All heavy atoms as atom14 arrays in JSON, in Angstrom:
{
  "sequence": "RYFDAAGDLLYVGCSHRPAIRWAEHKTTRPGVCAAVTKVKI",
  "atom14_mask": [
    [1, 1, 1, 1, 1, 1, 1, 1, 1, 1, 1, 0, 0, 0],
    [1, 1, 1, 1, 1, 1, 1, 1, 1, 1, 1, 1, 0, 0],
    [1, 1, 1, 1, 1, 1, 1, 1, 1, 1, 1, 0, 0, 0],
    [1, 1, 1, 1, 1, 1, 1, 1, 0, 0, 0, 0, 0, 0],
    [1, 1, 1, 1, 1, 0, 0, 0, 0, 0, 0, 0, 0, 0],
    [1, 1, 1, 1, 1, 0, 0, 0, 0, 0, 0, 0, 0, 0],
    [1, 1, 1, 1, 0, 0, 0, 0, 0, 0, 0, 0, 0, 0],
    [1, 1, 1, 1, 1, 1, 1, 1, 0, 0, 0, 0, 0, 0],
    [1, 1, 1, 1, 1, 1, 1, 1, 0, 0, 0, 0, 0, 0],
    [1, 1, 1, 1, 1, 1, 1, 1, 0, 0, 0, 0, 0, 0],
    [1, 1, 1, 1, 1, 1, 1, 1, 1, 1, 1, 1, 0, 0],
    [1, 1, 1, 1, 1, 1, 1, 0, 0, 0, 0, 0, 0, 0],
    [1, 1, 1, 1, 0, 0, 0, 0, 0, 0, 0, 0, 0, 0],
    [1, 1, 1, 1, 1, 1, 0, 0, 0, 0, 0, 0, 0, 0],
    [1, 1, 1, 1, 1, 1, 0, 0, 0, 0, 0, 0, 0, 0],
    [1, 1, 1, 1, 1, 1, 1, 1, 1, 1, 0, 0, 0, 0],
    [1, 1, 1, 1, 1, 1, 1, 1, 1, 1, 1, 0, 0, 0],
    [1, 1, 1, 1, 1, 1, 1, 0, 0, 0, 0, 0, 0, 0],
    [1, 1, 1, 1, 1, 0, 0, 0, 0, 0, 0, 0, 0, 0],
    [1, 1, 1, 1, 1, 1, 1, 1, 0, 0, 0, 0, 0, 0],
    [1, 1, 1, 1, 1, 1, 1, 1, 1, 1, 1, 0, 0, 0],
    [1, 1, 1, 1, 1, 1, 1, 1, 1, 1, 1, 1, 1, 1],
    [1, 1, 1, 1, 1, 0, 0, 0, 0, 0, 0, 0, 0, 0],
    [1, 1, 1, 1, 1, 1, 1, 1, 1, 0, 0, 0, 0, 0],
    [1, 1, 1, 1, 1, 1, 1, 1, 1, 1, 0, 0, 0, 0],
    [1, 1, 1, 1, 1, 1, 1, 1, 1, 0, 0, 0, 0, 0],
    [1, 1, 1, 1, 1, 1, 1, 0, 0, 0, 0, 0, 0, 0],
    [1, 1, 1, 1, 1, 1, 1, 0, 0, 0, 0, 0, 0, 0],
    [1, 1, 1, 1, 1, 1, 1, 1, 1, 1, 1, 0, 0, 0],
    [1, 1, 1, 1, 1, 1, 1, 0, 0, 0, 0, 0, 0, 0],
    [1, 1, 1, 1, 0, 0, 0, 0, 0, 0, 0, 0, 0, 0],
    [1, 1, 1, 1, 1, 1, 1, 0, 0, 0, 0, 0, 0, 0],
    [1, 1, 1, 1, 1, 1, 0, 0, 0, 0, 0, 0, 0, 0],
    [1, 1, 1, 1, 1, 0, 0, 0, 0, 0, 0, 0, 0, 0],
    [1, 1, 1, 1, 1, 0, 0, 0, 0, 0, 0, 0, 0, 0],
    [1, 1, 1, 1, 1, 1, 1, 0, 0, 0, 0, 0, 0, 0],
    [1, 1, 1, 1, 1, 1, 1, 0, 0, 0, 0, 0, 0, 0],
    [1, 1, 1, 1, 1, 1, 1, 1, 1, 0, 0, 0, 0, 0],
    [1, 1, 1, 1, 1, 1, 1, 0, 0, 0, 0, 0, 0, 0],
    [1, 1, 1, 1, 1, 1, 1, 1, 1, 0, 0, 0, 0, 0],
    [1, 1, 1, 1, 1, 1, 1, 1, 0, 0, 0, 0, 0, 0]
  ],
  "atom14_positions": [
    [[18.34, 0.55, -3.93], [19.31, 1.48, -3.36], [18.64, 2.84, -3.23], [17.99, 3.29, -4.18], [20.54, 1.59, -4.26], [21.39, 0.33, -4.31], [22.43, 0.45, -5.45], [23.36, -0.66, -5.47], [23.11, -1.84, -6.03], [21.95, -2.08, -6.61], [24.03, -2.8, -6.02], [0.0, 0.0, 0.0], [0.0, 0.0, 0.0], [0.0, 0.0, 0.0]],
    [[18.83, 3.48, -2.08], [18.3, 4.82, -1.84], [19.46, 5.81, -1.89], [20.49, 5.59, -1.24], [17.64, 4.93, -0.46], [16.45, 4.04, -0.23], [16.08, 3.7, 1.07], [15.66, 3.53, -1.27], [14.98, 2.9, 1.32], [14.56, 2.73, -1.02], [14.22, 2.42, 0.27], [13.13, 1.62, 0.53], [0.0, 0.0, 0.0], [0.0, 0.0, 0.0]],
    [[19.27, 6.9, -2.61], [20.29, 7.95, -2.74], [19.73, 9.29, -2.28], [18.53, 9.55, -2.41], [20.73, 8.08, -4.2], [21.4, 6.86, -4.76], [20.64, 5.85, -5.33], [22.77, 6.71, -4.71], [21.25, 4.71, -5.85], [23.39, 5.58, -5.23], [22.62, 4.57, -5.79], [0.0, 0.0, 0.0], [0.0, 0.0, 0.0], [0.0, 0.0, 0.0]],
    [[20.62, 10.16, -1.8], [20.19, 11.51, -1.43], [20.43, 12.47, -2.6], [20.89, 12.05, -3.67], [20.88, 11.98, -0.14], [22.38, 12.17, -0.27], [22.93, 12.15, -1.4], [23.03, 12.35, 0.79], [0.0, 0.0, 0.0], [0.0, 0.0, 0.0], [0.0, 0.0, 0.0], [0.0, 0.0, 0.0], [0.0, 0.0, 0.0], [0.0, 0.0, 0.0]],
    [[20.15, 13.75, -2.39], [20.26, 14.74, -3.46], [21.68, 14.9, -3.98], [21.88, 15.24, -5.15], [19.72, 16.08, -2.97], [0.0, 0.0, 0.0], [0.0, 0.0, 0.0], [0.0, 0.0, 0.0], [0.0, 0.0, 0.0], [0.0, 0.0, 0.0], [0.0, 0.0, 0.0], [0.0, 0.0, 0.0], [0.0, 0.0, 0.0], [0.0, 0.0, 0.0]],
    [[22.67, 14.63, -3.13], [24.07, 14.73, -3.55], [24.53, 13.49, -4.3], [25.66, 13.43, -4.78], [24.96, 14.97, -2.33], [0.0, 0.0, 0.0], [0.0, 0.0, 0.0], [0.0, 0.0, 0.0], [0.0, 0.0, 0.0], [0.0, 0.0, 0.0], [0.0, 0.0, 0.0], [0.0, 0.0, 0.0], [0.0, 0.0, 0.0], [0.0, 0.0, 0.0]],
    [[23.66, 12.47, -4.39], [24.03, 11.23, -5.06], [24.7, 10.22, -4.16], [25.16, 9.18, -4.62], [0.0, 0.0, 0.0], [0.0, 0.0, 0.0], [0.0, 0.0, 0.0], [0.0, 0.0, 0.0], [0.0, 0.0, 0.0], [0.0, 0.0, 0.0], [0.0, 0.0, 0.0], [0.0, 0.0, 0.0], [0.0, 0.0, 0.0], [0.0, 0.0, 0.0]],
    [[24.76, 10.52, -2.85], [25.38, 9.58, -1.91], [24.43, 8.42, -1.64], [23.23, 8.61, -1.48], [25.69, 10.29, -0.58], [26.77, 11.35, -0.74], [27.72, 11.11, -1.52], [26.65, 12.4, -0.1], [0.0, 0.0, 0.0], [0.0, 0.0, 0.0], [0.0, 0.0, 0.0], [0.0, 0.0, 0.0], [0.0, 0.0, 0.0], [0.0, 0.0, 0.0]],
    [[25.0, 7.23, -1.58], [24.22, 6.03, -1.29], [23.85, 6.01, 0.19], [24.73, 6.02, 1.05], [25.02, 4.77, -1.64], [24.35, 3.44, -1.36], [23.06, 3.27, -2.17], [25.32, 2.3, -1.67], [0.0, 0.0, 0.0], [0.0, 0.0, 0.0], [0.0, 0.0, 0.0], [0.0, 0.0, 0.0], [0.0, 0.0, 0.0], [0.0, 0.0, 0.0]],
    [[22.56, 6.01, 0.46], [22.09, 5.99, 1.84], [21.84, 4.58, 2.35], [22.14, 4.28, 3.5], [20.8, 6.8, 1.97], [20.89, 8.27, 1.62], [19.52, 8.93, 1.76], [21.91, 8.97, 2.51], [0.0, 0.0, 0.0], [0.0, 0.0, 0.0], [0.0, 0.0, 0.0], [0.0, 0.0, 0.0], [0.0, 0.0, 0.0], [0.0, 0.0, 0.0]],
    [[21.27, 3.72, 1.51], [20.81, 2.42, 2.01], [20.71, 1.43, 0.85], [20.35, 1.81, -0.26], [19.43, 2.6, 2.65], [18.93, 1.4, 3.41], [19.3, 1.19, 4.73], [18.08, 0.47, 2.82], [18.84, 0.09, 5.44], [17.63, -0.64, 3.52], [18.01, -0.82, 4.83], [17.57, -1.91, 5.52], [0.0, 0.0, 0.0], [0.0, 0.0, 0.0]],
    [[21.0, 0.17, 1.14], [20.82, -0.93, 0.19], [19.95, -1.97, 0.86], [20.17, -2.31, 2.03], [22.17, -1.58, -0.21], [21.95, -2.77, -1.13], [23.1, -0.57, -0.86], [0.0, 0.0, 0.0], [0.0, 0.0, 0.0], [0.0, 0.0, 0.0], [0.0, 0.0, 0.0], [0.0, 0.0, 0.0], [0.0, 0.0, 0.0], [0.0, 0.0, 0.0]],
    [[18.97, -2.47, 0.13], [18.1, -3.49, 0.7], [17.61, -4.47, -0.34], [17.87, -4.32, -1.54], [0.0, 0.0, 0.0], [0.0, 0.0, 0.0], [0.0, 0.0, 0.0], [0.0, 0.0, 0.0], [0.0, 0.0, 0.0], [0.0, 0.0, 0.0], [0.0, 0.0, 0.0], [0.0, 0.0, 0.0], [0.0, 0.0, 0.0], [0.0, 0.0, 0.0]],
    [[16.88, -5.48, 0.11], [16.36, -6.54, -0.73], [14.94, -6.84, -0.27], [14.69, -6.95, 0.93], [17.26, -7.76, -0.58], [16.61, -9.28, -1.27], [0.0, 0.0, 0.0], [0.0, 0.0, 0.0], [0.0, 0.0, 0.0], [0.0, 0.0, 0.0], [0.0, 0.0, 0.0], [0.0, 0.0, 0.0], [0.0, 0.0, 0.0], [0.0, 0.0, 0.0]],
    [[14.02, -6.97, -1.22], [12.65, -7.26, -0.86], [11.9, -7.85, -2.04], [12.24, -7.6, -3.19], [11.93, -5.98, -0.42], [10.57, -6.25, -0.12], [0.0, 0.0, 0.0], [0.0, 0.0, 0.0], [0.0, 0.0, 0.0], [0.0, 0.0, 0.0], [0.0, 0.0, 0.0], [0.0, 0.0, 0.0], [0.0, 0.0, 0.0], [0.0, 0.0, 0.0]],
    [[10.87, -8.62, -1.74], [10.0, -9.1, -2.82], [8.84, -8.12, -3.03], [8.08, -8.25, -3.98], [9.49, -10.53, -2.53], [8.5, -10.63, -1.43], [8.85, -10.51, -0.11], [7.18, -10.84, -1.45], [7.77, -10.65, 0.64], [6.74, -10.84, -0.14], [0.0, 0.0, 0.0], [0.0, 0.0, 0.0], [0.0, 0.0, 0.0], [0.0, 0.0, 0.0]],
    [[8.75, -7.11, -2.15], [7.72, -6.08, -2.27], [8.35, -4.72, -1.98], [8.16, -4.15, -0.91], [6.58, -6.36, -1.3], [5.95, -7.72, -1.5], [4.89, -8.03, -0.48], [5.39, -7.83, 0.89], [4.64, -7.93, 1.97], [3.37, -8.21, 1.87], [5.16, -7.75, 3.17], [0.0, 0.0, 0.0], [0.0, 0.0, 0.0], [0.0, 0.0, 0.0]],
    [[9.12, -4.15, -2.92], [9.84, -2.91, -2.65], [8.96, -1.74, -2.23], [9.35, -0.95, -1.37], [10.55, -2.6, -3.97], [10.55, -3.86, -4.74], [9.41, -4.68, -4.24], [0.0, 0.0, 0.0], [0.0, 0.0, 0.0], [0.0, 0.0, 0.0], [0.0, 0.0, 0.0], [0.0, 0.0, 0.0], [0.0, 0.0, 0.0], [0.0, 0.0, 0.0]],
    [[7.76, -1.62, -2.79], [6.89, -0.5, -2.42], [6.42, -0.63, -0.97], [6.37, 0.36, -0.23], [5.69, -0.42, -3.36], [0.0, 0.0, 0.0], [0.0, 0.0, 0.0], [0.0, 0.0, 0.0], [0.0, 0.0, 0.0], [0.0, 0.0, 0.0], [0.0, 0.0, 0.0], [0.0, 0.0, 0.0], [0.0, 0.0, 0.0], [0.0, 0.0, 0.0]],
    [[6.09, -1.84, -0.56], [5.68, -2.06, 0.82], [6.87, -1.88, 1.76], [6.75, -1.31, 2.84], [5.01, -3.44, 0.98], [3.67, -3.43, 0.24], [4.83, -3.81, 2.45], [2.99, -4.76, 0.13], [0.0, 0.0, 0.0], [0.0, 0.0, 0.0], [0.0, 0.0, 0.0], [0.0, 0.0, 0.0], [0.0, 0.0, 0.0], [0.0, 0.0, 0.0]],
    [[8.03, -2.32, 1.32], [9.24, -2.14, 2.14], [9.54, -0.65, 2.32], [9.95, -0.22, 3.39], [10.42, -2.87, 1.49], [11.63, -2.91, 2.38], [11.38, -3.78, 3.61], [12.56, -3.81, 4.45], [12.59, -3.39, 5.71], [11.5, -2.94, 6.3], [13.71, -3.43, 6.39], [0.0, 0.0, 0.0], [0.0, 0.0, 0.0], [0.0, 0.0, 0.0]],
    [[9.33, 0.15, 1.27], [9.51, 1.6, 1.36], [8.6, 2.18, 2.45], [9.02, 2.99, 3.26], [9.24, 2.26, 0.01], [9.17, 3.76, 0.08], [8.06, 4.53, -0.03], [10.26, 4.67, 0.26], [8.38, 5.86, 0.09], [9.73, 5.97, 0.26], [11.64, 4.5, 0.44], [10.52, 7.1, 0.42], [12.42, 5.65, 0.59], [11.86, 6.92, 0.59]],
    [[7.34, 1.75, 2.46], [6.39, 2.23, 3.47], [6.86, 1.84, 4.87], [6.74, 2.63, 5.82], [5.0, 1.66, 3.19], [0.0, 0.0, 0.0], [0.0, 0.0, 0.0], [0.0, 0.0, 0.0], [0.0, 0.0, 0.0], [0.0, 0.0, 0.0], [0.0, 0.0, 0.0], [0.0, 0.0, 0.0], [0.0, 0.0, 0.0], [0.0, 0.0, 0.0]],
    [[7.42, 0.64, 5.01], [7.96, 0.22, 6.31], [9.15, 1.1, 6.71], [9.26, 1.52, 7.87], [8.38, -1.25, 6.26], [7.22, -2.21, 6.12], [7.65, -3.64, 5.79], [8.84, -3.9, 5.54], [6.75, -4.5, 5.77], [0.0, 0.0, 0.0], [0.0, 0.0, 0.0], [0.0, 0.0, 0.0], [0.0, 0.0, 0.0], [0.0, 0.0, 0.0]],
    [[10.04, 1.36, 5.76], [11.19, 2.23, 6.04], [10.71, 3.63, 6.46], [11.31, 4.24, 7.35], [12.1, 2.36, 4.82], [12.99, 1.19, 4.6], [13.87, 0.7, 5.54], [13.16, 0.4, 3.51], [14.53, -0.33, 5.04], [14.11, -0.53, 3.81], [0.0, 0.0, 0.0], [0.0, 0.0, 0.0], [0.0, 0.0, 0.0], [0.0, 0.0, 0.0]],
    [[9.67, 4.13, 5.83], [9.17, 5.46, 6.17], [8.7, 5.52, 7.63], [8.79, 6.55, 8.27], [8.04, 5.87, 5.22], [8.57, 6.3, 3.87], [7.47, 6.59, 2.88], [6.66, 7.79, 3.26], [5.66, 8.14, 2.23], [0.0, 0.0, 0.0], [0.0, 0.0, 0.0], [0.0, 0.0, 0.0], [0.0, 0.0, 0.0], [0.0, 0.0, 0.0]],
    [[8.23, 4.4, 8.14], [7.79, 4.33, 9.53], [8.98, 4.19, 10.48], [9.03, 4.84, 11.52], [6.83, 3.13, 9.72], [5.71, 3.32, 8.87], [6.37, 3.02, 11.15], [0.0, 0.0, 0.0], [0.0, 0.0, 0.0], [0.0, 0.0, 0.0], [0.0, 0.0, 0.0], [0.0, 0.0, 0.0], [0.0, 0.0, 0.0], [0.0, 0.0, 0.0]],
    [[9.93, 3.34, 10.12], [11.04, 3.04, 11.04], [12.25, 3.97, 10.87], [13.03, 4.12, 11.8], [11.51, 1.59, 10.87], [11.94, 1.38, 9.52], [10.39, 0.61, 11.22], [0.0, 0.0, 0.0], [0.0, 0.0, 0.0], [0.0, 0.0, 0.0], [0.0, 0.0, 0.0], [0.0, 0.0, 0.0], [0.0, 0.0, 0.0], [0.0, 0.0, 0.0]],
    [[12.45, 4.52, 9.69], [13.59, 5.4, 9.4], [13.12, 6.66, 8.68], [13.54, 6.94, 7.56], [14.62, 4.68, 8.53], [15.14, 3.34, 9.01], [16.05, 3.39, 10.23], [17.26, 4.14, 10.1], [18.42, 3.68, 9.65], [18.53, 2.46, 9.21], [19.47, 4.45, 9.62], [0.0, 0.0, 0.0], [0.0, 0.0, 0.0], [0.0, 0.0, 0.0]],
    [[12.23, 7.45, 9.3], [11.66, 8.59, 8.59], [12.69, 9.63, 8.14], [12.54, 10.23, 7.07], [10.67, 9.19, 9.6], [11.14, 8.7, 10.93], [11.75, 7.36, 10.68], [0.0, 0.0, 0.0], [0.0, 0.0, 0.0], [0.0, 0.0, 0.0], [0.0, 0.0, 0.0], [0.0, 0.0, 0.0], [0.0, 0.0, 0.0], [0.0, 0.0, 0.0]],
    [[13.73, 9.83, 8.93], [14.76, 10.79, 8.54], [15.5, 10.39, 7.29], [15.77, 11.2, 6.41], [0.0, 0.0, 0.0], [0.0, 0.0, 0.0], [0.0, 0.0, 0.0], [0.0, 0.0, 0.0], [0.0, 0.0, 0.0], [0.0, 0.0, 0.0], [0.0, 0.0, 0.0], [0.0, 0.0, 0.0], [0.0, 0.0, 0.0], [0.0, 0.0, 0.0]],
    [[15.83, 9.11, 7.2], [16.51, 8.6, 6.0], [15.6, 8.75, 4.8], [16.01, 9.26, 3.75], [16.94, 7.12, 6.17], [17.48, 6.56, 4.87], [17.95, 6.99, 7.28], [0.0, 0.0, 0.0], [0.0, 0.0, 0.0], [0.0, 0.0, 0.0], [0.0, 0.0, 0.0], [0.0, 0.0, 0.0], [0.0, 0.0, 0.0], [0.0, 0.0, 0.0]],
    [[14.36, 8.34, 4.94], [13.42, 8.4, 3.81], [13.18, 9.83, 3.36], [13.03, 10.08, 2.16], [12.11, 7.7, 4.17], [12.33, 5.92, 4.32], [0.0, 0.0, 0.0], [0.0, 0.0, 0.0], [0.0, 0.0, 0.0], [0.0, 0.0, 0.0], [0.0, 0.0, 0.0], [0.0, 0.0, 0.0], [0.0, 0.0, 0.0], [0.0, 0.0, 0.0]],
    [[13.18, 10.78, 4.29], [12.99, 12.18, 3.92], [14.15, 12.69, 3.06], [13.97, 13.59, 2.24], [12.84, 13.03, 5.17], [0.0, 0.0, 0.0], [0.0, 0.0, 0.0], [0.0, 0.0, 0.0], [0.0, 0.0, 0.0], [0.0, 0.0, 0.0], [0.0, 0.0, 0.0], [0.0, 0.0, 0.0], [0.0, 0.0, 0.0], [0.0, 0.0, 0.0]],
    [[15.32, 12.09, 3.23], [16.5, 12.52, 2.47], [16.6, 11.84, 1.11], [17.38, 12.27, 0.26], [17.76, 12.23, 3.27], [0.0, 0.0, 0.0], [0.0, 0.0, 0.0], [0.0, 0.0, 0.0], [0.0, 0.0, 0.0], [0.0, 0.0, 0.0], [0.0, 0.0, 0.0], [0.0, 0.0, 0.0], [0.0, 0.0, 0.0], [0.0, 0.0, 0.0]],
    [[15.83, 10.79, 0.88], [15.91, 10.04, -0.37], [15.32, 10.86, -1.51], [14.18, 11.32, -1.44], [15.18, 8.68, -0.25], [15.11, 7.98, -1.61], [15.88, 7.79, 0.77], [0.0, 0.0, 0.0], [0.0, 0.0, 0.0], [0.0, 0.0, 0.0], [0.0, 0.0, 0.0], [0.0, 0.0, 0.0], [0.0, 0.0, 0.0], [0.0, 0.0, 0.0]],
    [[16.12, 11.03, -2.56], [15.64, 11.72, -3.76], [15.67, 10.82, -4.99], [15.1, 11.16, -6.01], [16.47, 12.98, -4.06], [17.83, 12.6, -4.27], [16.37, 13.98, -2.92], [0.0, 0.0, 0.0], [0.0, 0.0, 0.0], [0.0, 0.0, 0.0], [0.0, 0.0, 0.0], [0.0, 0.0, 0.0], [0.0, 0.0, 0.0], [0.0, 0.0, 0.0]],
    [[16.34, 9.68, -4.86], [16.44, 8.76, -6.0], [16.46, 7.34, -5.48], [17.13, 7.04, -4.49], [17.73, 9.04, -6.78], [17.92, 8.19, -8.01], [19.19, 8.59, -8.73], [19.42, 7.77, -9.97], [20.67, 8.16, -10.65], [0.0, 0.0, 0.0], [0.0, 0.0, 0.0], [0.0, 0.0, 0.0], [0.0, 0.0, 0.0], [0.0, 0.0, 0.0]],
    [[15.73, 6.46, -6.15], [15.69, 5.04, -5.81], [16.05, 4.27, -7.07], [15.49, 4.53, -8.15], [14.3, 4.62, -5.31], [14.26, 3.12, -5.03], [13.89, 5.41, -4.08], [0.0, 0.0, 0.0], [0.0, 0.0, 0.0], [0.0, 0.0, 0.0], [0.0, 0.0, 0.0], [0.0, 0.0, 0.0], [0.0, 0.0, 0.0], [0.0, 0.0, 0.0]],
    [[16.97, 3.35, -6.95], [17.31, 2.43, -8.05], [16.9, 1.03, -7.63], [17.29, 0.57, -6.56], [18.81, 2.46, -8.36], [19.28, 3.67, -9.09], [20.74, 3.51, -9.48], [21.23, 4.68, -10.29], [22.65, 4.51, -10.65], [0.0, 0.0, 0.0], [0.0, 0.0, 0.0], [0.0, 0.0, 0.0], [0.0, 0.0, 0.0], [0.0, 0.0, 0.0]],
    [[16.14, 0.37, -8.48], [15.7, -0.99, -8.2], [16.18, -1.89, -9.34], [16.01, -1.56, -10.51], [14.16, -1.07, -8.09], [13.68, -0.18, -6.93], [13.71, -2.5, -7.88], [12.17, -0.11, -6.79], [0.0, 0.0, 0.0], [0.0, 0.0, 0.0], [0.0, 0.0, 0.0], [0.0, 0.0, 0.0], [0.0, 0.0, 0.0], [0.0, 0.0, 0.0]]
  ]
}
């Protein structure tokens, strides 16, 4: 789960490689990733 600075839930996903998935998100959804301040796995 990706959260912004206000604690709002931005995105929920599933992966067997969360770090690689994060890198993919940074390419496809850079605005969302720029807002992420907290990740819960």
